[in-house]
Amino acid sequence: MKSVHGVPVCGVDLDAETRCAHYDSDRDVVALRFGCCDSYYACHACHEAVTDHEAQVWPRSRFDEAAVLCGVCGATLTPGAYFDAANRCPACDAAFNPGCRAHRDRYFETE
C-alpha cells in the first residue's frame, strides 16, 4: 500500500501518481475504489494480485460517493463526475487514459 496525496492506494509497484506494474503510461493516473473492500486500487489486476477475495464493482447505489482518485492532484470524483470528465481531471486537467472506458464494467456497476 502507498499513500497518494494522503489516500491509501493498493497495488503492485505503484508510483507516486498511481501507475502500476500493469498500467504505466503517462495517462494511467487514476485509482479506483472497489465495492468489496472499500479501498482504492491502481487497477483490477492489482486488486486480483494483492487481495484474497473476488472483486466487486462500485455499486450504482453508491454513485454519490467518491470512487475515483486522481493520482496527479489527489482530487476524488464520483463515478458520474469521472464519466463526464472527458478523460481529464476536472480539478487539475491531467489527462486520463481514454482506453479505460473499454473496461468500465470492471470497476462500476453498469446496469
PDB file of N, CA and C in Angstrom:
ATOM      1  N   MET A   1       0.851  -1.175   0.000  1.00  0.00           N
ATOM      2  CA  MET A   1       0.000   0.000   0.000  1.00  0.00           C
ATOM      3  C   MET A   1       0.898   1.240   0.000  1.00  0.00           C
ATOM      4  N   LYS A   2       0.425   2.260  -0.719  1.00  0.00           N
ATOM      5  CA  LYS A   2       1.168   3.514  -0.824  1.00  0.00           C
ATOM      6  C   LYS A   2       0.196   4.659  -0.554  1.00  0.00           C
ATOM      7  N   SER A   3       0.680   5.699   0.079  1.00  0.00           N
ATOM      8  CA  SER A   3      -0.139   6.888   0.288  1.00  0.00           C
ATOM      9  C   SER A   3       0.046   7.812  -0.915  1.00  0.00           C
ATOM     10  N   VAL A   4      -1.061   8.118  -1.572  1.00  0.00           N
ATOM     11  CA  VAL A   4      -1.053   9.015  -2.723  1.00  0.00           C
ATOM     12  C   VAL A   4      -1.906  10.223  -2.350  1.00  0.00           C
ATOM     13  N   HIS A   5      -1.265  11.345  -2.140  1.00  0.00           N
ATOM     14  CA  HIS A   5      -1.952  12.555  -1.672  1.00  0.00           C
ATOM     15  C   HIS A   5      -2.742  12.283  -0.397  1.00  0.00           C
ATOM     16  N   GLY A   6      -2.158  11.458   0.467  1.00  0.00           N
ATOM     17  CA  GLY A   6      -2.778  11.153   1.748  1.00  0.00           C
ATOM     18  C   GLY A   6      -3.838  10.068   1.704  1.00  0.00           C
ATOM     19  N   VAL A   7      -4.082   9.495   0.532  1.00  0.00           N
ATOM     20  CA  VAL A   7      -5.091   8.443   0.384  1.00  0.00           C
ATOM     21  C   VAL A   7      -4.376   7.105   0.190  1.00  0.00           C
ATOM     22  N   PRO A   8      -4.716   6.095   0.984  1.00  0.00           N
ATOM     23  CA  PRO A   8      -4.095   4.789   0.797  1.00  0.00           C
ATOM     24  C   PRO A   8      -4.531   4.166  -0.532  1.00  0.00           C
ATOM     25  N   VAL A   9      -3.555   3.742  -1.339  1.00  0.00           N
ATOM     26  CA  VAL A   9      -3.821   3.085  -2.625  1.00  0.00           C
ATOM     27  C   VAL A   9      -3.051   1.774  -2.640  1.00  0.00           C
ATOM     28  N   CYS A  10      -3.723   0.704  -3.010  1.00  0.00           N
ATOM     29  CA  CYS A  10      -3.107  -0.618  -3.072  1.00  0.00           C
ATOM     30  C   CYS A  10      -2.764  -0.968  -4.511  1.00  0.00           C
ATOM     31  N   GLY A  11      -1.730  -1.777  -4.664  1.00  0.00           N
ATOM     32  CA  GLY A  11      -1.367  -2.220  -5.999  1.00  0.00           C
ATOM     33  C   GLY A  11       0.025  -2.802  -6.043  1.00  0.00           C
ATOM     34  N   VAL A  12       0.467  -3.096  -7.253  1.00  0.00           N
ATOM     35  CA  VAL A  12       1.767  -3.713  -7.489  1.00  0.00           C
ATOM     36  C   VAL A  12       2.696  -2.681  -8.116  1.00  0.00           C
ATOM     37  N   ASP A  13       3.818  -2.430  -7.467  1.00  0.00           N
ATOM     38  CA  ASP A  13       4.823  -1.484  -7.971  1.00  0.00           C
ATOM     39  C   ASP A  13       4.233  -0.113  -8.294  1.00  0.00           C
ATOM     40  N   LEU A  14       3.526   0.463  -7.343  1.00  0.00           N
ATOM     41  CA  LEU A  14       2.888   1.768  -7.535  1.00  0.00           C
ATOM     42  C   LEU A  14       3.912   2.893  -7.555  1.00  0.00           C
ATOM     43  N   ASP A  15       3.660   3.893  -8.393  1.00  0.00           N
ATOM     44  CA  ASP A  15       4.456   5.116  -8.320  1.00  0.00           C
ATOM     45  C   ASP A  15       3.645   6.180  -7.585  1.00  0.00           C
ATOM     46  N   ALA A  16       4.157   7.374  -7.517  1.00  0.00           N
ATOM     47  CA  ALA A  16       3.531   8.443  -6.739  1.00  0.00           C
ATOM     48  C   ALA A  16       2.220   8.945  -7.332  1.00  0.00           C
ATOM     49  N   GLU A  17       1.915   8.563  -8.593  1.00  0.00           N
ATOM     50  CA  GLU A  17       0.678   9.018  -9.241  1.00  0.00           C
ATOM     51  C   GLU A  17      -0.255   7.867  -9.593  1.00  0.00           C
ATOM     52  N   THR A  18      -0.098   6.728  -8.959  1.00  0.00           N
ATOM     53  CA  THR A  18      -0.939   5.533  -9.052  1.00  0.00           C
ATOM     54  C   THR A  18      -0.678   4.637 -10.258  1.00  0.00           C
ATOM     55  N   ARG A  19       0.352   4.901 -11.047  1.00  0.00           N
ATOM     56  CA  ARG A  19       0.703   3.943 -12.102  1.00  0.00           C
ATOM     57  C   ARG A  19       1.165   2.659 -11.418  1.00  0.00           C
ATOM     58  N   CYS A  20       0.988   1.541 -12.117  1.00  0.00           N
ATOM     59  CA  CYS A  20       1.322   0.264 -11.501  1.00  0.00           C
ATOM     60  C   CYS A  20       2.053  -0.638 -12.496  1.00  0.00           C
ATOM     61  N   ALA A  21       2.333  -1.850 -12.064  1.00  0.00           N
ATOM     62  CA  ALA A  21       3.021  -2.814 -12.914  1.00  0.00           C
ATOM     63  C   ALA A  21       2.197  -3.184 -14.148  1.00  0.00           C
ATOM     64  N   HIS A  22       0.887  -3.024 -14.082  1.00  0.00           N
ATOM     65  CA  HIS A  22       0.013  -3.432 -15.181  1.00  0.00           C
ATOM     66  C   HIS A  22      -0.291  -2.304 -16.163  1.00  0.00           C
ATOM     67  N   TYR A  23      -0.416  -1.097 -15.634  1.00  0.00           N
ATOM     68  CA  TYR A  23      -0.750   0.088 -16.447  1.00  0.00           C
ATOM     69  C   TYR A  23       0.184   1.218 -16.021  1.00  0.00           C
ATOM     70  N   ASP A  24       1.079   1.615 -16.930  1.00  0.00           N
ATOM     71  CA  ASP A  24       2.081   2.598 -16.519  1.00  0.00           C
ATOM     72  C   ASP A  24       2.371   3.670 -17.566  1.00  0.00           C
ATOM     73  N   SER A  25       1.360   4.004 -18.374  1.00  0.00           N
ATOM     74  CA  SER A  25       1.553   5.095 -19.329  1.00  0.00           C
ATOM     75  C   SER A  25       1.441   6.428 -18.602  1.00  0.00           C
ATOM     76  N   ASP A  26       1.785   7.492 -19.287  1.00  0.00           N
ATOM     77  CA  ASP A  26       1.695   8.812 -18.667  1.00  0.00           C
ATOM     78  C   ASP A  26       0.271   9.181 -18.280  1.00  0.00           C
ATOM     79  N   ARG A  27      -0.726   8.506 -18.872  1.00  0.00           N
ATOM     80  CA  ARG A  27      -2.134   8.804 -18.574  1.00  0.00           C
ATOM     81  C   ARG A  27      -2.775   7.855 -17.557  1.00  0.00           C
ATOM     82  N   ASP A  28      -2.050   6.864 -17.099  1.00  0.00           N
ATOM     83  CA  ASP A  28      -2.600   5.914 -16.126  1.00  0.00           C
ATOM     84  C   ASP A  28      -2.442   6.454 -14.713  1.00  0.00           C
ATOM     85  N   VAL A  29      -3.250   7.466 -14.421  1.00  0.00           N
ATOM     86  CA  VAL A  29      -3.093   8.196 -13.162  1.00  0.00           C
ATOM     87  C   VAL A  29      -4.384   8.258 -12.345  1.00  0.00           C
ATOM     88  N   VAL A  30      -5.174   7.201 -12.396  1.00  0.00           N
ATOM     89  CA  VAL A  30      -6.343   7.130 -11.521  1.00  0.00           C
ATOM     90  C   VAL A  30      -6.269   5.851 -10.703  1.00  0.00           C
ATOM     91  N   ALA A  31      -6.805   5.928  -9.515  1.00  0.00           N
ATOM     92  CA  ALA A  31      -7.024   4.743  -8.688  1.00  0.00           C
ATOM     93  C   ALA A  31      -8.528   4.642  -8.510  1.00  0.00           C
ATOM     94  N   LEU A  32      -9.006   3.419  -8.416  1.00  0.00           N
ATOM     95  CA  LEU A  32     -10.444   3.191  -8.351  1.00  0.00           C
ATOM     96  C   LEU A  32     -10.800   2.407  -7.099  1.00  0.00           C
ATOM     97  N   ARG A  33     -11.909   2.774  -6.520  1.00  0.00           N
ATOM     98  CA  ARG A  33     -12.373   2.163  -5.274  1.00  0.00           C
ATOM     99  C   ARG A  33     -13.276   0.982  -5.610  1.00  0.00           C
ATOM    100  N   PHE A  34     -13.056  -0.113  -4.929  1.00  0.00           N
ATOM    101  CA  PHE A  34     -13.857  -1.314  -5.155  1.00  0.00           C
ATOM    102  C   PHE A  34     -14.914  -1.466  -4.064  1.00  0.00           C
ATOM    103  N   GLY A  35     -16.083  -1.939  -4.464  1.00  0.00           N
ATOM    104  CA  GLY A  35     -17.194  -2.088  -3.537  1.00  0.00           C
ATOM    105  C   GLY A  35     -16.987  -3.172  -2.501  1.00  0.00           C
ATOM    106  N   CYS A  36     -16.184  -4.171  -2.807  1.00  0.00           N
ATOM    107  CA  CYS A  36     -15.993  -5.301  -1.902  1.00  0.00           C
ATOM    108  C   CYS A  36     -15.191  -4.935  -0.663  1.00  0.00           C
ATOM    109  N   CYS A  37     -14.206  -4.082  -0.814  1.00  0.00           N
ATOM    110  CA  CYS A  37     -13.320  -3.785   0.307  1.00  0.00           C
ATOM    111  C   CYS A  37     -13.208  -2.293   0.596  1.00  0.00           C
ATOM    112  N   ASP A  38     -13.929  -1.481  -0.194  1.00  0.00           N
ATOM    113  CA  ASP A  38     -13.993  -0.036   0.045  1.00  0.00           C
ATOM    114  C   ASP A  38     -12.609   0.614   0.008  1.00  0.00           C
ATOM    115  N   SER A  39     -11.703   0.029  -0.779  1.00  0.00           N
ATOM    116  CA  SER A  39     -10.333   0.529  -0.873  1.00  0.00           C
ATOM    117  C   SER A  39     -10.004   0.897  -2.308  1.00  0.00           C
ATOM    118  N   TYR A  40      -9.050   1.823  -2.455  1.00  0.00           N
ATOM    119  CA  TYR A  40      -8.576   2.226  -3.779  1.00  0.00           C
ATOM    120  C   TYR A  40      -7.468   1.288  -4.254  1.00  0.00           C
ATOM    121  N   TYR A  41      -7.534   0.928  -5.536  1.00  0.00           N
ATOM    122  CA  TYR A  41      -6.521   0.112  -6.200  1.00  0.00           C
ATOM    123  C   TYR A  41      -6.157   0.790  -7.509  1.00  0.00           C
ATOM    124  N   ALA A  42      -4.921   0.583  -7.944  1.00  0.00           N
ATOM    125  CA  ALA A  42      -4.478   1.181  -9.204  1.00  0.00           C
ATOM    126  C   ALA A  42      -5.224   0.584 -10.395  1.00  0.00           C
ATOM    127  N   CYS A  43      -5.592  -0.690 -10.311  1.00  0.00           N
ATOM    128  CA  CYS A  43      -6.325  -1.330 -11.411  1.00  0.00           C
ATOM    129  C   CYS A  43      -6.931  -2.642 -10.927  1.00  0.00           C
ATOM    130  N   HIS A  44      -7.737  -3.249 -11.781  1.00  0.00           N
ATOM    131  CA  HIS A  44      -8.389  -4.521 -11.442  1.00  0.00           C
ATOM    132  C   HIS A  44      -7.358  -5.633 -11.254  1.00  0.00           C
ATOM    133  N   ALA A  45      -6.279  -5.623 -12.045  1.00  0.00           N
ATOM    134  CA  ALA A  45      -5.247  -6.655 -11.914  1.00  0.00           C
ATOM    135  C   ALA A  45      -4.495  -6.515 -10.593  1.00  0.00           C
ATOM    136  N   CYS A  46      -4.302  -5.291 -10.135  1.00  0.00           N
ATOM    137  CA  CYS A  46      -3.687  -5.075  -8.823  1.00  0.00           C
ATOM    138  C   CYS A  46      -4.581  -5.637  -7.723  1.00  0.00           C
ATOM    139  N   HIS A  47      -5.888  -5.391  -7.828  1.00  0.00           N
ATOM    140  CA  HIS A  47      -6.815  -5.930  -6.831  1.00  0.00           C
ATOM    141  C   HIS A  47      -6.703  -7.440  -6.798  1.00  0.00           C
ATOM    142  N   GLU A  48      -6.692  -8.050  -7.963  1.00  0.00           N
ATOM    143  CA  GLU A  48      -6.600  -9.505  -8.047  1.00  0.00           C
ATOM    144  C   GLU A  48      -5.283 -10.012  -7.444  1.00  0.00           C
ATOM    145  N   ALA A  49      -4.209  -9.274  -7.669  1.00  0.00           N
ATOM    146  CA  ALA A  49      -2.891  -9.711  -7.216  1.00  0.00           C
ATOM    147  C   ALA A  49      -2.685  -9.591  -5.708  1.00  0.00           C
ATOM    148  N   VAL A  50      -3.312  -8.617  -5.077  1.00  0.00           N
ATOM    149  CA  VAL A  50      -2.989  -8.363  -3.676  1.00  0.00           C
ATOM    150  C   VAL A  50      -4.106  -8.669  -2.682  1.00  0.00           C
ATOM    151  N   THR A  51      -5.251  -9.133  -3.160  1.00  0.00           N
ATOM    152  CA  THR A  51      -6.327  -9.474  -2.223  1.00  0.00           C
ATOM    153  C   THR A  51      -6.587 -10.969  -2.238  1.00  0.00           C
ATOM    154  N   ASP A  52      -7.387 -11.399  -1.289  1.00  0.00           N
ATOM    155  CA  ASP A  52      -7.759 -12.813  -1.211  1.00  0.00           C
ATOM    156  C   ASP A  52      -9.251 -13.008  -1.453  1.00  0.00           C
ATOM    157  N   HIS A  53      -9.859 -12.051  -2.155  1.00  0.00           N
ATOM    158  CA  HIS A  53     -11.288 -12.143  -2.436  1.00  0.00           C
ATOM    159  C   HIS A  53     -11.577 -11.659  -3.862  1.00  0.00           C
ATOM    160  N   GLU A  54     -12.735 -12.019  -4.344  1.00  0.00           N
ATOM    161  CA  GLU A  54     -13.162 -11.617  -5.678  1.00  0.00           C
ATOM    162  C   GLU A  54     -13.587 -10.148  -5.668  1.00  0.00           C
ATOM    163  N   ALA A  55     -13.209  -9.442  -6.710  1.00  0.00           N
ATOM    164  CA  ALA A  55     -13.556  -8.024  -6.814  1.00  0.00           C
ATOM    165  C   ALA A  55     -15.059  -7.839  -6.994  1.00  0.00           C
ATOM    166  N   GLN A  56     -15.586  -6.809  -6.360  1.00  0.00           N
ATOM    167  CA  GLN A  56     -16.958  -6.379  -6.569  1.00  0.00           C
ATOM    168  C   GLN A  56     -16.907  -4.930  -7.023  1.00  0.00           C
ATOM    169  N   VAL A  57     -17.613  -4.643  -8.086  1.00  0.00           N
ATOM    170  CA  VAL A  57     -17.610  -3.294  -8.644  1.00  0.00           C
ATOM    171  C   VAL A  57     -18.271  -2.302  -7.690  1.00  0.00           C
ATOM    172  N   TRP A  58     -18.018  -1.022  -7.958  1.00  0.00           N
ATOM    173  CA  TRP A  58     -18.635   0.043  -7.165  1.00  0.00           C
ATOM    174  C   TRP A  58     -20.120   0.066  -7.514  1.00  0.00           C
ATOM    175  N   PRO A  59     -21.004  -0.130  -6.529  1.00  0.00           N
ATOM    176  CA  PRO A  59     -22.435  -0.256  -6.812  1.00  0.00           C
ATOM    177  C   PRO A  59     -23.102   1.078  -7.178  1.00  0.00           C
ATOM    178  N   ARG A  60     -24.047   1.003  -8.070  1.00  0.00           N
ATOM    179  CA  ARG A  60     -24.799   2.188  -8.506  1.00  0.00           C
ATOM    180  C   ARG A  60     -25.430   2.913  -7.318  1.00  0.00           C
ATOM    181  N   SER A  61     -25.814   2.168  -6.299  1.00  0.00           N
ATOM    182  CA  SER A  61     -26.432   2.791  -5.120  1.00  0.00           C
ATOM    183  C   SER A  61     -25.465   3.710  -4.366  1.00  0.00           C
ATOM    184  N   ARG A  62     -24.172   3.636  -4.703  1.00  0.00           N
ATOM    185  CA  ARG A  62     -23.168   4.484  -4.038  1.00  0.00           C
ATOM    186  C   ARG A  62     -22.513   5.466  -5.011  1.00  0.00           C
ATOM    187  N   PHE A  63     -23.144   5.702  -6.145  1.00  0.00           N
ATOM    188  CA  PHE A  63     -22.569   6.603  -7.144  1.00  0.00           C
ATOM    189  C   PHE A  63     -22.508   8.058  -6.665  1.00  0.00           C
ATOM    190  N   ASP A  64     -23.102   8.359  -5.537  1.00  0.00           N
ATOM    191  CA  ASP A  64     -22.987   9.714  -4.987  1.00  0.00           C
ATOM    192  C   ASP A  64     -21.732   9.874  -4.125  1.00  0.00           C
ATOM    193  N   GLU A  65     -20.962   8.801  -3.971  1.00  0.00           N
ATOM    194  CA  GLU A  65     -19.733   8.815  -3.184  1.00  0.00           C
ATOM    195  C   GLU A  65     -18.513   8.787  -4.103  1.00  0.00           C
ATOM    196  N   ALA A  66     -17.417   9.349  -3.640  1.00  0.00           N
ATOM    197  CA  ALA A  66     -16.173   9.325  -4.409  1.00  0.00           C
ATOM    198  C   ALA A  66     -15.695   7.890  -4.595  1.00  0.00           C
ATOM    199  N   ALA A  67     -15.297   7.566  -5.827  1.00  0.00           N
ATOM    200  CA  ALA A  67     -14.795   6.229  -6.127  1.00  0.00           C
ATOM    201  C   ALA A  67     -13.597   6.276  -7.071  1.00  0.00           C
ATOM    202  N   VAL A  68     -13.149   7.476  -7.423  1.00  0.00           N
ATOM    203  CA  VAL A  68     -12.013   7.651  -8.326  1.00  0.00           C
ATOM    204  C   VAL A  68     -11.071   8.684  -7.710  1.00  0.00           C
ATOM    205  N   LEU A  69      -9.795   8.373  -7.724  1.00  0.00           N
ATOM    206  CA  LEU A  69      -8.767   9.272  -7.198  1.00  0.00           C
ATOM    207  C   LEU A  69      -7.842   9.679  -8.330  1.00  0.00           C
ATOM    208  N   CYS A  70      -7.659  10.973  -8.523  1.00  0.00           N
ATOM    209  CA  CYS A  70      -6.662  11.460  -9.482  1.00  0.00           C
ATOM    210  C   CYS A  70      -5.297  11.368  -8.815  1.00  0.00           C
ATOM    211  N   GLY A  71      -4.404  10.604  -9.415  1.00  0.00           N
ATOM    212  CA  GLY A  71      -3.074  10.441  -8.856  1.00  0.00           C
ATOM    213  C   GLY A  71      -2.187  11.657  -9.017  1.00  0.00           C
ATOM    214  N   VAL A  72      -2.568  12.576  -9.890  1.00  0.00           N
ATOM    215  CA  VAL A  72      -1.757  13.774 -10.110  1.00  0.00           C
ATOM    216  C   VAL A  72      -2.004  14.810  -9.017  1.00  0.00           C
ATOM    217  N   CYS A  73      -3.276  15.103  -8.734  1.00  0.00           N
ATOM    218  CA  CYS A  73      -3.578  16.167  -7.768  1.00  0.00           C
ATOM    219  C   CYS A  73      -4.252  15.690  -6.485  1.00  0.00           C
ATOM    220  N   GLY A  74      -4.764  14.462  -6.473  1.00  0.00           N
ATOM    221  CA  GLY A  74      -5.430  13.944  -5.284  1.00  0.00           C
ATOM    222  C   GLY A  74      -6.921  14.211  -5.226  1.00  0.00           C
ATOM    223  N   ALA A  75      -7.478  14.811  -6.271  1.00  0.00           N
ATOM    224  CA  ALA A  75      -8.927  15.040  -6.298  1.00  0.00           C
ATOM    225  C   ALA A  75      -9.655  13.697  -6.306  1.00  0.00           C
ATOM    226  N   THR A  76     -10.799  13.651  -5.632  1.00  0.00           N
ATOM    227  CA  THR A  76     -11.639  12.460  -5.690  1.00  0.00           C
ATOM    228  C   THR A  76     -12.899  12.802  -6.456  1.00  0.00           C
ATOM    229  N   LEU A  77     -13.353  11.836  -7.227  1.00  0.00           N
ATOM    230  CA  LEU A  77     -14.505  12.030  -8.106  1.00  0.00           C
ATOM    231  C   LEU A  77     -15.544  10.953  -7.876  1.00  0.00           C
ATOM    232  N   THR A  78     -16.800  11.330  -8.002  1.00  0.00           N
ATOM    233  CA  THR A  78     -17.856  10.333  -8.045  1.00  0.00           C
ATOM    234  C   THR A  78     -17.782   9.661  -9.411  1.00  0.00           C
ATOM    235  N   PRO A  79     -18.386   8.490  -9.568  1.00  0.00           N
ATOM    236  CA  PRO A  79     -18.381   7.874 -10.893  1.00  0.00           C
ATOM    237  C   PRO A  79     -18.970   8.790 -11.967  1.00  0.00           C
ATOM    238  N   GLY A  80     -20.058   9.484 -11.671  1.00  0.00           N
ATOM    239  CA  GLY A  80     -20.659  10.381 -12.653  1.00  0.00           C
ATOM    240  C   GLY A  80     -19.724  11.486 -13.088  1.00  0.00           C
ATOM    241  N   ALA A  81     -19.020  12.085 -12.134  1.00  0.00           N
ATOM    242  CA  ALA A  81     -18.060  13.142 -12.462  1.00  0.00           C
ATOM    243  C   ALA A  81     -16.923  12.577 -13.309  1.00  0.00           C
ATOM    244  N   TYR A  82     -16.481  11.374 -12.999  1.00  0.00           N
ATOM    245  CA  TYR A  82     -15.422  10.725 -13.771  1.00  0.00           C
ATOM    246  C   TYR A  82     -15.896  10.432 -15.197  1.00  0.00           C
ATOM    247  N   PHE A  83     -17.116   9.901 -15.334  1.00  0.00           N
ATOM    248  CA  PHE A  83     -17.648   9.589 -16.670  1.00  0.00           C
ATOM    249  C   PHE A  83     -17.794  10.848 -17.511  1.00  0.00           C
ATOM    250  N   ASP A  84     -18.169  11.951 -16.881  1.00  0.00           N
ATOM    251  CA  ASP A  84     -18.404  13.211 -17.591  1.00  0.00           C
ATOM    252  C   ASP A  84     -17.137  14.031 -17.822  1.00  0.00           C
ATOM    253  N   ALA A  85     -16.016  13.584 -17.319  1.00  0.00           N
ATOM    254  CA  ALA A  85     -14.793  14.398 -17.313  1.00  0.00           C
ATOM    255  C   ALA A  85     -14.035  14.440 -18.636  1.00  0.00           C
ATOM    256  N   ALA A  86     -14.489  13.765 -19.654  1.00  0.00           N
ATOM    257  CA  ALA A  86     -13.842  13.790 -20.974  1.00  0.00           C
ATOM    258  C   ALA A  86     -12.355  13.425 -20.877  1.00  0.00           C
ATOM    259  N   ASN A  87     -12.055  12.385 -20.084  1.00  0.00           N
ATOM    260  CA  ASN A  87     -10.698  11.850 -19.962  1.00  0.00           C
ATOM    261  C   ASN A  87      -9.679  12.843 -19.406  1.00  0.00           C
ATOM    262  N   ARG A  88     -10.145  13.781 -18.579  1.00  0.00           N
ATOM    263  CA  ARG A  88      -9.250  14.740 -17.929  1.00  0.00           C
ATOM    264  C   ARG A  88      -9.758  14.976 -16.512  1.00  0.00           C
ATOM    265  N   CYS A  89      -8.855  15.229 -15.618  1.00  0.00           N
ATOM    266  CA  CYS A  89      -9.253  15.556 -14.252  1.00  0.00           C
ATOM    267  C   CYS A  89      -9.900  16.936 -14.246  1.00  0.00           C
ATOM    268  N   PRO A  90     -11.107  17.052 -13.708  1.00  0.00           N
ATOM    269  CA  PRO A  90     -11.751  18.364 -13.666  1.00  0.00           C
ATOM    270  C   PRO A  90     -11.064  19.339 -12.699  1.00  0.00           C
ATOM    271  N   ALA A  91     -10.234  18.833 -11.808  1.00  0.00           N
ATOM    272  CA  ALA A  91      -9.555  19.705 -10.845  1.00  0.00           C
ATOM    273  C   ALA A  91      -8.214  20.228 -11.357  1.00  0.00           C
ATOM    274  N   CYS A  92      -7.415  19.358 -12.002  1.00  0.00           N
ATOM    275  CA  CYS A  92      -6.063  19.772 -12.404  1.00  0.00           C
ATOM    276  C   CYS A  92      -5.808  19.652 -13.906  1.00  0.00           C
ATOM    277  N   ASP A  93      -6.765  19.109 -14.647  1.00  0.00           N
ATOM    278  CA  ASP A  93      -6.687  18.946 -16.099  1.00  0.00           C
ATOM    279  C   ASP A  93      -5.693  17.866 -16.547  1.00  0.00           C
ATOM    280  N   ALA A  94      -5.238  17.016 -15.636  1.00  0.00           N
ATOM    281  CA  ALA A  94      -4.367  15.899 -16.023  1.00  0.00           C
ATOM    282  C   ALA A  94      -5.132  14.972 -16.964  1.00  0.00           C
ATOM    283  N   ALA A  95      -4.440  14.448 -17.958  1.00  0.00           N
ATOM    284  CA  ALA A  95      -5.055  13.529 -18.911  1.00  0.00           C
ATOM    285  C   ALA A  95      -5.218  12.149 -18.285  1.00  0.00           C
ATOM    286  N   PHE A  96      -6.401  11.569 -18.469  1.00  0.00           N
ATOM    287  CA  PHE A  96      -6.673  10.198 -18.046  1.00  0.00           C
ATOM    288  C   PHE A  96      -6.642   9.304 -19.284  1.00  0.00           C
ATOM    289  N   ASN A  97      -6.333   8.039 -19.085  1.00  0.00           N
ATOM    290  CA  ASN A  97      -6.265   7.085 -20.184  1.00  0.00           C
ATOM    291  C   ASN A  97      -7.653   6.866 -20.791  1.00  0.00           C
ATOM    292  N   PRO A  98      -7.861   7.247 -22.059  1.00  0.00           N
ATOM    293  CA  PRO A  98      -9.180   7.068 -22.666  1.00  0.00           C
ATOM    294  C   PRO A  98      -9.548   5.603 -22.870  1.00  0.00           C
ATOM    295  N   GLY A  99      -8.561   4.726 -22.875  1.00  0.00           N
ATOM    296  CA  GLY A  99      -8.827   3.304 -23.039  1.00  0.00           C
ATOM    297  C   GLY A  99      -9.561   2.685 -21.868  1.00  0.00           C
ATOM    298  N   CYS A 100      -9.550   3.353 -20.744  1.00  0.00           N
ATOM    299  CA  CYS A 100     -10.231   2.816 -19.560  1.00  0.00           C
ATOM    300  C   CYS A 100     -11.738   2.691 -19.763  1.00  0.00           C
ATOM    301  N   ARG A 101     -12.286   3.486 -20.652  1.00  0.00           N
ATOM    302  CA  ARG A 101     -13.729   3.394 -20.933  1.00  0.00           C
ATOM    303  C   ARG A 101     -14.119   1.997 -21.412  1.00  0.00           C
ATOM    304  N   ALA A 102     -13.200   1.322 -22.088  1.00  0.00           N
ATOM    305  CA  ALA A 102     -13.489  -0.002 -22.643  1.00  0.00           C
ATOM    306  C   ALA A 102     -13.727  -1.055 -21.563  1.00  0.00           C
ATOM    307  N   HIS A 103     -13.212  -0.845 -20.372  1.00  0.00           N
ATOM    308  CA  HIS A 103     -13.434  -1.816 -19.302  1.00  0.00           C
ATOM    309  C   HIS A 103     -13.994  -1.188 -18.033  1.00  0.00           C
ATOM    310  N   ARG A 104     -14.843  -0.205 -18.220  1.00  0.00           N
ATOM    311  CA  ARG A 104     -15.530   0.463 -17.101  1.00  0.00           C
ATOM    312  C   ARG A 104     -16.301  -0.531 -16.246  1.00  0.00           C
ATOM    313  N   ASP A 105     -16.820  -1.584 -16.877  1.00  0.00           N
ATOM    314  CA  ASP A 105     -17.619  -2.570 -16.156  1.00  0.00           C
ATOM    315  C   ASP A 105     -16.802  -3.379 -15.147  1.00  0.00           C
ATOM    316  N   ARG A 106     -15.482  -3.310 -15.190  1.00  0.00           N
ATOM    317  CA  ARG A 106     -14.647  -3.982 -14.196  1.00  0.00           C
ATOM    318  C   ARG A 106     -14.621  -3.217 -12.870  1.00  0.00           C
ATOM    319  N   TYR A 107     -15.043  -1.953 -12.931  1.00  0.00           N
ATOM    320  CA  TYR A 107     -14.967  -1.085 -11.751  1.00  0.00           C
ATOM    321  C   TYR A 107     -16.312  -0.571 -11.252  1.00  0.00           C
ATOM    322  N   PHE A 108     -17.254  -0.406 -12.173  1.00  0.00           N
ATOM    323  CA  PHE A 108     -18.522   0.246 -11.823  1.00  0.00           C
ATOM    324  C   PHE A 108     -19.703  -0.594 -12.294  1.00  0.00           C
ATOM    325  N   GLU A 109     -20.747  -0.634 -11.472  1.00  0.00           N
ATOM    326  CA  GLU A 109     -21.980  -1.289 -11.876  1.00  0.00           C
ATOM    327  C   GLU A 109     -22.533  -0.531 -13.079  1.00  0.00           C
ATOM    328  N   THR A 110     -22.768  -1.218 -14.162  1.00  0.00           N
ATOM    329  CA  THR A 110     -23.183  -0.554 -15.397  1.00  0.00           C
ATOM    330  C   THR A 110     -24.639  -0.809 -15.759  1.00  0.00           C
ATOM    331  N   GLU A 111     -25.294  -1.711 -15.098  1.00  0.00           N
ATOM    332  CA  GLU A 111     -26.707  -1.989 -15.418  1.00  0.00           C
ATOM    333  C   GLU A 111     -27.570  -1.899 -14.194  1.00  0.00           C
TER     334      GLU A 111
END
